Amino acid sequence: MQLRKPDGTVLPSTKAIVEPDRTTAEFEVPRLALQDSGLWECRVSTSGGQDSRRFRVSVKVPPVPLTAPRLLAKQSRQLLVSPLVSFSGDGPIASVRLHYRPQDSTMAWSTIVVDPSENVTLVNLRPKTGYSVRAQLNRPGEGGEGAWGPPALMTTDCPEPLLQPRLEGWHVEGPDRLRVSWSLPSVPGPLVGDGFLLRLWDGARGQERRENVSSPQARTALLTGLTPGTHYQLDVRLYHCTLLGPASPPARVLLPPSGMLGKGWRAQDTGG
C-alpha cells in the first residue's frame, strides 16, 4: 500500500496490520504545507490485482499577517491603531494580539488582545517616542495562533502645551506697527513649548494674520504690516511641535486711522 500526494510524491506504508478479512496500513506523513491540499490517492497492490481510491485533503494553516498594523491617530501618550491587516492562511480571525515596545529597545514586549473588528488605543506611552508594533492573528481551533507579522514604526506626538498665556499690554509704534506683550503662569518644572503664535483677526474683512515667535522665552513681539484704522481681535498661544495650547483671553484692539498717530492717539482696547 502507498499514498500519492498531489505533487506526485509517494509515501510507503510504515506498518501493516493483517487480519483474515482485511489489511490496515499506517503511514507517517511529514509536516504538511498549504500546497499539500488537494486530491490524494491510496493505491493497493495484491496478488489478485491493483486498486486505488482518491480522497481530498484540506490543509489548514494558522493566519499570518502580510502587512503591518496601521496608525490612525496619535497623541503624546497614545496611539490609535487599526489592528486587522491582510493575511495568509485560514480564518476566520477570532482575535488579534498586538505586541509593542519602544523602537530598538531590548525590554519585554507589551501585549494586548483585541477584537479584530475594532480599533485599539495603546496608552501610557512615552511622548515623542518611536514604537515598534506587530500583529499576531488567531483563528478558532487547536493550533490557530499564527506567527508575528511585520513591524510598523509608530511615533507618539510631543507633549501638549497646557499653559494659557495672558495678554499684558500693547501700544502703537508706527502707522502699521503694534507692540504686544504677554505673560505665562509660573509652574514647577521645565516649560513645555517651542514658541508662541499670535493671531490677529480682522472681522470686517474676514482676514487672519498669524505671527510666529520662535522663542519660548519671548514675552513681547512687534507686529508690522497692519492696516490703519482697523479693529483687530488679538490672542496668543503657546505651541510645541505642531500642537497649540489654549488661547489667551482675546482682546479687541483699534489701530489709529492714517495720519492720526502722534495726535494723542493710542491703541485702544475696545472690549468684547
Protein backbone atom coordinates (compact mmCIF):
# COMPACT_ATOMS: atom_id res chain seq x y z
CA MET A 1 0.00 0.00 0.00
CA GLN A 2 1.11 3.55 -0.70
CA LEU A 3 -0.15 7.13 -0.68
CA ARG A 4 0.42 9.54 -3.52
CA LYS A 5 0.32 13.28 -2.80
CA PRO A 6 -0.98 15.87 -5.32
CA ASP A 7 2.59 16.69 -6.40
CA GLY A 8 3.31 13.00 -7.16
CA THR A 9 5.31 12.24 -4.04
CA VAL A 10 4.81 8.60 -2.97
CA LEU A 11 4.63 7.68 0.73
CA PRO A 12 5.05 3.94 1.52
CA SER A 13 3.27 2.43 4.48
CA THR A 14 5.29 2.13 7.67
CA LYS A 15 3.17 -0.55 9.27
CA ALA A 16 0.60 -3.10 8.12
CA ILE A 17 -1.87 -4.98 10.31
CA VAL A 18 -3.05 -8.15 8.52
CA GLU A 19 -6.33 -9.72 9.53
CA PRO A 20 -8.24 -12.62 7.91
CA ASP A 21 -10.67 -10.33 6.11
CA ARG A 22 -8.70 -7.09 5.76
CA THR A 23 -5.37 -5.35 6.00
CA THR A 24 -4.88 -1.96 7.69
CA ALA A 25 -1.89 0.19 6.74
CA GLU A 26 -0.36 3.05 8.70
CA PHE A 27 1.52 5.96 7.11
CA GLU A 28 3.80 8.56 8.64
CA VAL A 29 3.03 11.82 6.87
CA PRO A 30 5.66 14.57 7.30
CA ARG A 31 4.68 18.09 8.23
CA LEU A 32 2.16 19.35 5.71
CA ALA A 33 2.06 22.69 3.98
CA LEU A 34 -0.78 24.60 2.34
CA GLN A 35 0.30 23.37 -1.12
CA ASP A 36 -0.37 19.79 0.01
CA SER A 37 -4.10 20.44 -0.16
CA GLY A 38 -5.91 18.62 -2.95
CA LEU A 39 -6.67 15.10 -4.13
CA TRP A 40 -4.55 12.34 -2.59
CA GLU A 41 -4.58 8.76 -3.84
CA CYS A 42 -4.37 5.47 -1.93
CA ARG A 43 -3.02 2.57 -4.05
CA VAL A 44 -3.24 -1.10 -3.09
CA SER A 45 -1.37 -3.94 -4.87
CA THR A 46 -2.07 -7.61 -4.07
CA SER A 47 -1.62 -10.93 -5.80
CA GLY A 48 -5.15 -10.51 -7.04
CA GLY A 49 -4.55 -7.15 -8.72
CA GLN A 50 -4.42 -3.42 -8.05
CA ASP A 51 -6.93 -0.82 -6.96
CA SER A 52 -6.88 2.85 -5.95
CA ARG A 53 -9.15 5.46 -4.49
CA ARG A 54 -8.84 9.23 -4.26
CA PHE A 55 -9.74 11.41 -1.32
CA ARG A 56 -9.46 15.12 -0.65
CA VAL A 57 -7.14 16.61 1.94
CA SER A 58 -7.64 20.20 3.15
CA VAL A 59 -4.62 21.59 4.98
CA LYS A 60 -5.33 24.42 7.40
CA VAL A 61 -2.53 26.77 8.40
CA PRO A 62 -2.55 29.49 11.06
CA PRO A 63 -3.19 33.02 9.78
CA VAL A 64 -0.08 35.17 9.35
CA PRO A 65 -0.23 38.97 8.73
CA LEU A 66 1.07 40.12 5.36
CA THR A 67 1.10 43.81 6.29
CA ALA A 68 1.79 45.79 9.46
CA PRO A 69 -0.87 47.41 11.67
CA ARG A 70 -1.96 50.90 10.56
CA LEU A 71 -1.67 54.10 12.59
CA LEU A 72 -4.90 56.15 12.64
CA ALA A 73 -4.11 58.93 15.11
CA LYS A 74 -1.56 59.85 17.76
CA GLN A 75 -1.17 61.88 20.90
CA SER A 76 1.74 62.38 23.27
CA ARG A 77 0.97 59.20 25.24
CA GLN A 78 -1.45 57.33 23.00
CA LEU A 79 -1.56 55.65 19.59
CA LEU A 80 -4.83 54.75 17.84
CA VAL A 81 -4.20 51.62 15.75
CA SER A 82 -6.18 49.61 13.21
CA PRO A 83 -5.14 46.03 14.13
CA LEU A 84 -6.66 43.85 11.38
CA VAL A 85 -4.43 43.52 8.34
CA SER A 86 -4.33 41.39 5.21
CA PHE A 87 -3.14 37.86 5.94
CA SER A 88 -2.34 34.46 4.51
CA GLY A 89 -3.66 31.22 5.96
CA ASP A 90 -7.06 30.26 7.28
CA GLY A 91 -9.67 32.30 9.08
CA PRO A 92 -11.94 33.46 10.40
CA ILE A 93 -9.90 35.71 12.66
CA ALA A 94 -11.12 35.37 16.25
CA SER A 95 -8.72 37.83 17.90
CA VAL A 96 -5.65 39.94 17.28
CA ARG A 97 -2.72 40.10 19.67
CA LEU A 98 -0.78 43.37 19.36
CA HIS A 99 2.83 43.41 20.54
CA TYR A 100 4.55 46.78 21.03
CA ARG A 101 7.64 48.30 22.62
CA PRO A 102 9.93 51.30 22.03
CA GLN A 103 11.96 51.05 18.86
CA ASP A 104 15.43 49.50 19.26
CA SER A 105 14.56 48.52 22.84
CA THR A 106 15.51 45.21 24.44
CA MET A 107 12.76 45.41 27.05
CA ALA A 108 9.96 42.83 27.05
CA TRP A 109 7.11 43.35 24.59
CA SER A 110 3.84 44.71 25.93
CA THR A 111 0.83 42.77 24.64
CA ILE A 112 -2.87 43.45 24.28
CA VAL A 113 -5.55 41.14 22.83
CA VAL A 114 -8.27 42.94 20.87
CA ASP A 115 -11.32 42.27 18.75
CA PRO A 116 -10.35 42.27 15.05
CA SER A 117 -13.33 44.47 14.13
CA GLU A 118 -12.40 47.33 16.46
CA ASN A 119 -9.61 49.88 16.52
CA VAL A 120 -7.45 49.87 19.64
CA THR A 121 -5.77 52.65 21.63
CA LEU A 122 -2.33 51.92 23.06
CA VAL A 123 -1.99 54.00 26.24
CA ASN A 124 0.60 55.01 28.84
CA LEU A 125 3.29 55.52 26.19
CA ARG A 126 6.29 57.84 26.22
CA PRO A 127 5.96 61.21 24.44
CA LYS A 128 7.88 61.75 21.21
CA THR A 129 8.98 58.10 21.06
CA GLY A 130 9.00 55.59 18.21
CA TYR A 131 7.25 52.29 18.90
CA SER A 132 7.52 49.01 17.01
CA VAL A 133 4.02 47.48 16.69
CA ARG A 134 3.35 43.94 15.39
CA ALA A 135 0.18 41.90 14.98
CA GLN A 136 -0.39 38.20 15.69
CA LEU A 137 -3.63 36.62 14.46
CA ASN A 138 -5.63 33.81 15.98
CA ARG A 139 -8.37 31.65 14.43
CA PRO A 140 -10.63 29.20 16.31
CA GLY A 141 -9.41 25.67 16.92
CA GLU A 142 -6.23 23.99 18.04
CA GLY A 143 -3.04 25.45 16.64
CA GLY A 144 -4.86 28.53 15.38
CA GLU A 145 -2.34 31.15 16.53
CA GLY A 146 -0.02 32.22 13.75
CA ALA A 147 3.40 33.84 13.61
CA TRP A 148 4.03 37.55 14.22
CA GLY A 149 3.57 39.86 11.27
CA PRO A 150 5.92 42.60 10.02
CA PRO A 151 6.53 45.61 12.32
CA ALA A 152 5.16 49.12 11.91
CA LEU A 153 7.02 52.12 13.34
CA MET A 154 4.62 54.49 15.08
CA THR A 155 5.80 57.64 16.84
CA THR A 156 3.94 59.38 19.65
CA ASP A 157 3.44 63.13 19.48
CA CYS A 158 5.15 65.84 21.51
CA PRO A 159 3.66 66.66 24.91
CA GLU A 160 0.71 69.02 24.55
CA PRO A 161 1.38 72.59 25.80
CA LEU A 162 -1.03 73.23 28.68
CA LEU A 163 -0.19 76.75 29.87
CA GLN A 164 -2.52 79.59 28.87
CA PRO A 165 -0.79 82.93 28.16
CA ARG A 166 -2.25 86.27 29.30
CA LEU A 167 -2.03 89.48 27.28
CA GLU A 168 -0.41 92.18 29.42
CA GLY A 169 -0.47 95.16 27.08
CA TRP A 170 0.03 96.63 23.62
CA HIS A 171 0.91 100.01 22.11
CA VAL A 172 1.38 101.55 18.66
CA GLU A 173 4.95 102.08 17.42
CA GLY A 174 4.08 103.23 13.90
CA PRO A 175 1.16 103.63 11.46
CA ASP A 176 1.04 99.88 10.89
CA ARG A 177 3.09 98.60 13.83
CA LEU A 178 1.84 97.22 17.13
CA ARG A 179 3.96 96.12 20.10
CA VAL A 180 2.33 93.29 22.10
CA SER A 181 3.42 91.80 25.45
CA TRP A 182 2.17 88.76 27.36
CA SER A 183 2.95 86.54 30.35
CA LEU A 184 2.72 82.89 31.38
CA PRO A 185 1.71 81.46 34.75
CA SER A 186 4.58 80.16 36.86
CA VAL A 187 4.68 76.37 37.20
CA PRO A 188 7.36 73.99 38.53
CA GLY A 189 9.47 72.05 36.07
CA PRO A 190 10.67 72.83 32.53
CA LEU A 191 8.48 74.77 30.13
CA VAL A 192 6.78 72.55 27.54
CA GLY A 193 6.78 74.73 24.43
CA ASP A 194 8.78 75.84 21.40
CA GLY A 195 7.36 79.33 20.95
CA PHE A 196 4.23 81.45 20.62
CA LEU A 197 1.63 82.08 17.93
CA LEU A 198 -0.03 85.49 17.86
CA ARG A 199 -3.31 85.79 15.96
CA LEU A 200 -4.90 88.99 14.68
CA TRP A 201 -8.41 88.65 13.30
CA ASP A 202 -9.90 91.41 11.09
CA GLY A 203 -13.59 90.57 11.30
CA ALA A 204 -14.70 93.30 8.87
CA ARG A 205 -12.55 91.89 6.05
CA GLY A 206 -12.61 88.26 7.17
CA GLN A 207 -8.81 88.15 7.25
CA GLU A 208 -6.48 86.48 9.73
CA ARG A 209 -2.87 87.39 10.41
CA ARG A 210 -0.57 84.95 12.26
CA GLU A 211 2.82 85.80 13.70
CA ASN A 212 5.21 83.08 14.86
CA VAL A 213 7.54 83.88 17.75
CA SER A 214 10.05 81.04 17.76
CA SER A 215 11.44 81.51 21.29
CA PRO A 216 9.60 80.13 24.34
CA GLN A 217 11.39 82.75 26.46
CA ALA A 218 9.93 85.68 24.45
CA ARG A 219 7.30 87.81 26.15
CA THR A 220 6.95 90.59 23.58
CA ALA A 221 6.67 90.91 19.79
CA LEU A 222 6.38 93.66 17.21
CA LEU A 223 3.62 93.16 14.63
CA THR A 224 4.11 95.07 11.38
CA GLY A 225 2.24 95.48 8.11
CA LEU A 226 -1.11 96.05 9.82
CA THR A 227 -3.97 98.12 8.38
CA PRO A 228 -4.51 101.55 9.99
CA GLY A 229 -7.99 102.27 11.33
CA THR A 230 -8.79 98.57 11.79
CA HIS A 231 -10.43 96.71 14.65
CA TYR A 232 -8.44 93.55 15.39
CA GLN A 233 -9.14 90.71 17.78
CA LEU A 234 -5.85 89.64 19.32
CA ASP A 235 -4.85 86.47 21.16
CA VAL A 236 -1.66 84.46 21.81
CA ARG A 237 -0.99 80.72 22.24
CA LEU A 238 1.96 78.61 23.32
CA TYR A 239 2.91 75.90 20.81
CA HIS A 240 5.03 72.74 20.98
CA CYS A 241 5.99 70.91 17.78
CA THR A 242 2.74 71.19 15.78
CA LEU A 243 0.42 71.34 18.80
CA LEU A 244 -1.26 74.52 20.01
CA GLY A 245 -2.08 75.22 23.64
CA PRO A 246 -5.09 77.16 24.92
CA ALA A 247 -5.54 80.70 23.61
CA SER A 248 -5.25 83.70 25.89
CA PRO A 249 -8.44 85.62 26.63
CA PRO A 250 -8.88 87.74 23.49
CA ALA A 251 -8.56 91.49 23.32
CA ARG A 252 -10.04 93.88 20.73
CA VAL A 253 -7.57 96.48 19.54
CA LEU A 254 -8.34 99.54 17.40
CA LEU A 255 -5.41 100.97 15.41
CA PRO A 256 -5.44 104.70 14.60
CA PRO A 257 -6.50 105.81 11.12
CA SER A 258 -3.79 107.07 8.79
CA GLY A 259 -2.41 110.44 9.89
CA MET A 260 -3.75 110.22 13.44
CA LEU A 261 -0.65 108.75 15.08
CA GLY A 262 1.11 111.31 17.28
CA LYS A 263 -2.06 113.36 17.83
CA GLY A 264 -2.86 111.94 21.22
CA TRP A 265 -3.96 108.54 19.79
CA ARG A 266 -3.05 105.27 21.39
CA ALA A 267 -4.04 101.69 20.62
CA GLN A 268 -7.40 101.11 22.28
CA ASP A 269 -8.92 98.08 23.94
CA THR A 270 -12.48 98.29 22.69
CA GLY A 271 -13.77 95.44 24.90
CA GLY A 272 -15.63 92.34 23.75
